[in-house]
N, C-alpha and C. Protein backbone atom coordinates (compact mmCIF):
# COMPACT_ATOMS: atom_id res chain seq x y z
N MET A 1 0.82 -1.20 0.00
CA MET A 1 0.00 0.00 0.00
C MET A 1 0.86 1.26 0.00
N ARG A 2 1.99 1.21 0.70
CA ARG A 2 2.85 2.37 0.76
C ARG A 2 3.43 2.72 -0.60
N ALA A 3 3.70 1.72 -1.42
CA ALA A 3 4.26 1.97 -2.75
C ALA A 3 3.21 2.54 -3.70
N VAL A 4 1.96 2.21 -3.46
CA VAL A 4 0.89 2.68 -4.35
C VAL A 4 0.56 4.15 -4.08
N SER A 5 0.59 4.58 -2.84
CA SER A 5 0.21 5.95 -2.50
C SER A 5 1.07 7.01 -3.18
N PRO A 6 2.42 6.95 -3.13
CA PRO A 6 3.21 7.96 -3.83
C PRO A 6 3.01 7.92 -5.34
N LEU A 7 2.85 6.71 -5.88
CA LEU A 7 2.62 6.58 -7.31
C LEU A 7 1.30 7.24 -7.71
N PHE A 8 0.28 7.07 -6.90
CA PHE A 8 -1.01 7.69 -7.16
C PHE A 8 -0.92 9.21 -7.09
N LEU A 9 -0.17 9.74 -6.13
CA LEU A 9 -0.01 11.19 -6.00
C LEU A 9 0.74 11.77 -7.19
N VAL A 10 1.74 11.07 -7.69
CA VAL A 10 2.47 11.52 -8.88
C VAL A 10 1.54 11.53 -10.08
N PHE A 11 0.69 10.51 -10.18
CA PHE A 11 -0.28 10.45 -11.28
C PHE A 11 -1.25 11.63 -11.22
N LEU A 12 -1.74 11.95 -10.03
CA LEU A 12 -2.66 13.08 -9.88
C LEU A 12 -1.99 14.41 -10.18
N ALA A 13 -0.72 14.54 -9.82
CA ALA A 13 0.00 15.79 -10.10
C ALA A 13 0.13 16.01 -11.59
N GLY A 14 0.22 14.95 -12.37
CA GLY A 14 0.31 15.08 -13.82
C GLY A 14 -1.02 15.42 -14.47
N CYS A 15 -2.11 15.27 -13.74
CA CYS A 15 -3.44 15.53 -14.30
C CYS A 15 -3.90 16.97 -14.10
N ILE A 16 -3.12 17.79 -13.46
CA ILE A 16 -3.51 19.17 -13.22
C ILE A 16 -3.50 19.93 -14.53
N GLN A 17 -4.62 20.49 -14.89
CA GLN A 17 -4.73 21.27 -16.12
C GLN A 17 -4.87 22.75 -15.78
N PRO A 18 -4.17 23.60 -16.50
CA PRO A 18 -4.32 25.03 -16.25
C PRO A 18 -5.70 25.52 -16.68
N GLN A 19 -6.15 26.57 -16.04
CA GLN A 19 -7.42 27.19 -16.37
C GLN A 19 -7.17 28.43 -17.22
N VAL A 20 -7.98 28.63 -18.24
CA VAL A 20 -7.83 29.77 -19.14
C VAL A 20 -9.07 30.65 -19.03
N SER A 21 -8.86 31.94 -18.88
CA SER A 21 -9.95 32.91 -18.88
C SER A 21 -9.69 33.94 -19.97
N ARG A 22 -10.73 34.28 -20.71
CA ARG A 22 -10.61 35.26 -21.79
C ARG A 22 -10.86 36.66 -21.26
N ILE A 23 -9.94 37.58 -21.59
CA ILE A 23 -10.12 38.98 -21.20
C ILE A 23 -10.75 39.74 -22.35
N ASP A 24 -10.17 39.60 -23.53
CA ASP A 24 -10.79 40.16 -24.75
C ASP A 24 -10.51 39.19 -25.89
N ALA A 25 -10.65 39.64 -27.13
CA ALA A 25 -10.57 38.75 -28.28
C ALA A 25 -9.24 38.02 -28.39
N ARG A 26 -8.14 38.66 -28.03
CA ARG A 26 -6.82 38.02 -28.17
C ARG A 26 -6.03 37.95 -26.87
N THR A 27 -6.62 38.30 -25.75
CA THR A 27 -5.90 38.32 -24.49
C THR A 27 -6.51 37.31 -23.53
N PHE A 28 -5.66 36.51 -22.90
CA PHE A 28 -6.10 35.45 -22.00
C PHE A 28 -5.29 35.47 -20.72
N VAL A 29 -5.88 34.96 -19.63
CA VAL A 29 -5.17 34.75 -18.37
C VAL A 29 -5.12 33.24 -18.14
N ILE A 30 -3.92 32.72 -17.87
CA ILE A 30 -3.73 31.30 -17.63
C ILE A 30 -3.32 31.10 -16.18
N ASP A 31 -4.04 30.25 -15.46
CA ASP A 31 -3.73 29.90 -14.08
C ASP A 31 -3.37 28.43 -14.07
N ASN A 32 -2.13 28.11 -13.72
CA ASN A 32 -1.69 26.72 -13.82
C ASN A 32 -1.99 25.89 -12.59
N GLY A 33 -2.61 26.43 -11.58
CA GLY A 33 -2.82 25.67 -10.36
C GLY A 33 -1.51 25.53 -9.62
N GLY A 34 -1.49 24.74 -8.58
CA GLY A 34 -0.26 24.57 -7.81
C GLY A 34 0.65 23.55 -8.46
N VAL A 35 1.85 23.96 -8.80
CA VAL A 35 2.83 23.07 -9.41
C VAL A 35 4.07 23.08 -8.55
N ALA A 36 4.53 21.90 -8.19
CA ALA A 36 5.73 21.80 -7.38
C ALA A 36 6.94 22.29 -8.16
N GLY A 37 7.76 23.11 -7.54
CA GLY A 37 8.97 23.59 -8.18
C GLY A 37 8.77 24.80 -9.05
N GLY A 38 7.56 25.25 -9.25
CA GLY A 38 7.32 26.46 -10.02
C GLY A 38 7.53 26.30 -11.51
N SER A 39 7.24 25.16 -12.07
CA SER A 39 7.42 24.93 -13.50
C SER A 39 6.44 25.78 -14.30
N SER A 40 6.90 26.30 -15.42
CA SER A 40 6.02 27.07 -16.30
C SER A 40 5.61 26.26 -17.53
N ALA A 41 5.94 24.99 -17.58
CA ALA A 41 5.58 24.14 -18.72
C ALA A 41 4.07 24.03 -18.93
N PRO A 42 3.24 23.89 -17.87
CA PRO A 42 1.79 23.84 -18.12
C PRO A 42 1.28 25.12 -18.77
N ASN A 43 1.82 26.27 -18.38
CA ASN A 43 1.41 27.53 -19.01
C ASN A 43 1.83 27.57 -20.47
N ARG A 44 3.03 27.14 -20.78
CA ARG A 44 3.49 27.15 -22.17
C ARG A 44 2.63 26.24 -23.03
N ARG A 45 2.32 25.04 -22.52
CA ARG A 45 1.49 24.10 -23.28
C ARG A 45 0.11 24.68 -23.55
N MET A 46 -0.51 25.27 -22.53
CA MET A 46 -1.84 25.82 -22.70
C MET A 46 -1.81 27.04 -23.62
N ALA A 47 -0.78 27.86 -23.52
CA ALA A 47 -0.67 29.03 -24.39
C ALA A 47 -0.53 28.61 -25.84
N GLU A 48 0.19 27.53 -26.11
CA GLU A 48 0.32 27.05 -27.49
C GLU A 48 -1.00 26.48 -28.00
N GLN A 49 -1.82 25.92 -27.12
CA GLN A 49 -3.12 25.43 -27.55
C GLN A 49 -4.08 26.58 -27.83
N VAL A 50 -4.05 27.60 -27.00
CA VAL A 50 -4.96 28.74 -27.15
C VAL A 50 -4.55 29.61 -28.34
N CYS A 51 -3.25 29.80 -28.52
CA CYS A 51 -2.71 30.66 -29.59
C CYS A 51 -1.78 29.84 -30.47
N PRO A 52 -2.31 29.11 -31.45
CA PRO A 52 -1.46 28.25 -32.28
C PRO A 52 -0.49 29.03 -33.17
N ASN A 53 -0.75 30.28 -33.45
CA ASN A 53 0.14 31.08 -34.31
C ASN A 53 1.18 31.85 -33.52
N GLY A 54 1.23 31.65 -32.21
CA GLY A 54 2.21 32.33 -31.37
C GLY A 54 1.54 33.21 -30.34
N TYR A 55 2.30 33.57 -29.32
CA TYR A 55 1.77 34.39 -28.24
C TYR A 55 2.90 35.21 -27.64
N ARG A 56 2.51 36.21 -26.87
CA ARG A 56 3.46 37.04 -26.14
C ARG A 56 2.97 37.13 -24.71
N VAL A 57 3.88 36.92 -23.75
CA VAL A 57 3.52 37.00 -22.33
C VAL A 57 3.54 38.47 -21.93
N LEU A 58 2.39 38.99 -21.51
CA LEU A 58 2.28 40.38 -21.08
C LEU A 58 2.63 40.54 -19.61
N ASP A 59 2.24 39.55 -18.79
CA ASP A 59 2.48 39.63 -17.35
C ASP A 59 2.59 38.23 -16.78
N GLN A 60 3.47 38.07 -15.80
CA GLN A 60 3.62 36.80 -15.09
C GLN A 60 3.66 37.10 -13.60
N THR A 61 2.77 36.42 -12.86
CA THR A 61 2.70 36.60 -11.42
C THR A 61 2.85 35.23 -10.77
N VAL A 62 3.72 35.14 -9.76
CA VAL A 62 3.95 33.88 -9.05
C VAL A 62 3.60 34.09 -7.58
N HIS A 63 2.75 33.19 -7.07
CA HIS A 63 2.37 33.20 -5.66
C HIS A 63 2.87 31.92 -5.03
N ARG A 64 3.61 32.05 -3.95
CA ARG A 64 4.20 30.87 -3.33
C ARG A 64 3.40 30.35 -2.13
N ASN A 65 2.36 31.04 -1.72
CA ASN A 65 1.60 30.57 -0.55
C ASN A 65 0.13 30.41 -0.87
N GLY A 66 -0.19 29.79 -1.96
CA GLY A 66 -1.56 29.47 -2.29
C GLY A 66 -2.19 30.44 -3.26
N PRO A 67 -3.22 29.99 -3.93
CA PRO A 67 -3.87 30.83 -4.94
C PRO A 67 -4.59 32.04 -4.35
N ASP A 68 -5.02 31.95 -3.09
CA ASP A 68 -5.74 33.06 -2.49
C ASP A 68 -4.83 33.94 -1.62
N LEU A 69 -3.53 33.69 -1.65
CA LEU A 69 -2.51 34.45 -0.94
C LEU A 69 -2.66 34.36 0.57
N TYR A 70 -3.45 33.41 1.07
CA TYR A 70 -3.67 33.30 2.50
C TYR A 70 -3.16 31.97 3.05
N ARG A 71 -3.59 30.87 2.41
CA ARG A 71 -3.17 29.55 2.86
C ARG A 71 -1.69 29.35 2.59
N THR A 72 -1.06 28.52 3.35
CA THR A 72 0.32 28.17 3.12
C THR A 72 0.38 26.70 2.73
N GLU A 73 0.71 26.44 1.49
CA GLU A 73 0.87 25.08 0.99
C GLU A 73 2.31 24.97 0.51
N ARG A 74 3.12 24.34 1.27
CA ARG A 74 4.54 24.28 0.99
C ARG A 74 4.83 23.45 -0.25
N GLY A 75 5.80 23.93 -1.03
CA GLY A 75 6.25 23.17 -2.18
C GLY A 75 5.50 23.45 -3.47
N PHE A 76 4.46 24.26 -3.43
CA PHE A 76 3.69 24.54 -4.63
C PHE A 76 3.76 26.02 -4.96
N ASP A 77 3.86 26.32 -6.25
CA ASP A 77 3.85 27.69 -6.75
C ASP A 77 2.68 27.85 -7.70
N TRP A 78 1.92 28.92 -7.54
CA TRP A 78 0.83 29.25 -8.44
C TRP A 78 1.33 30.33 -9.39
N THR A 79 1.24 30.07 -10.69
CA THR A 79 1.73 31.03 -11.68
C THR A 79 0.55 31.47 -12.54
N PHE A 80 0.43 32.77 -12.70
CA PHE A 80 -0.61 33.34 -13.55
C PHE A 80 0.07 34.08 -14.70
N TRP A 81 -0.30 33.74 -15.92
CA TRP A 81 0.22 34.43 -17.11
C TRP A 81 -0.91 35.19 -17.76
N THR A 82 -0.61 36.39 -18.23
CA THR A 82 -1.49 37.12 -19.11
C THR A 82 -0.81 37.13 -20.47
N ILE A 83 -1.48 36.54 -21.47
CA ILE A 83 -0.86 36.42 -22.79
C ILE A 83 -1.74 37.10 -23.84
N ARG A 84 -1.11 37.48 -24.94
CA ARG A 84 -1.81 38.03 -26.09
C ARG A 84 -1.41 37.22 -27.31
N CYS A 85 -2.40 36.76 -28.06
CA CYS A 85 -2.13 36.01 -29.29
C CYS A 85 -1.63 36.93 -30.38
N LEU A 86 -0.68 36.43 -31.15
CA LEU A 86 -0.13 37.22 -32.26
C LEU A 86 -1.02 37.12 -33.48
């Protein structure tokens, strides 16, 4: 059972999908959820899906203590990108 639990947690960590919100016709905000180590790969993948012809990062915000800036969840970084499609 002990070997299954860490494997299951790693599997769940890989299933986290970033959330995309539209600001206007070509501008989007991407929230990658909590990612250990502060990786920006989920944001890059989602940005390439939303803007297949390319994108430009307008703003990047990193929160190290939870998405609501109140809770403390160690080891996770929340990254928010504001992008504009080219």
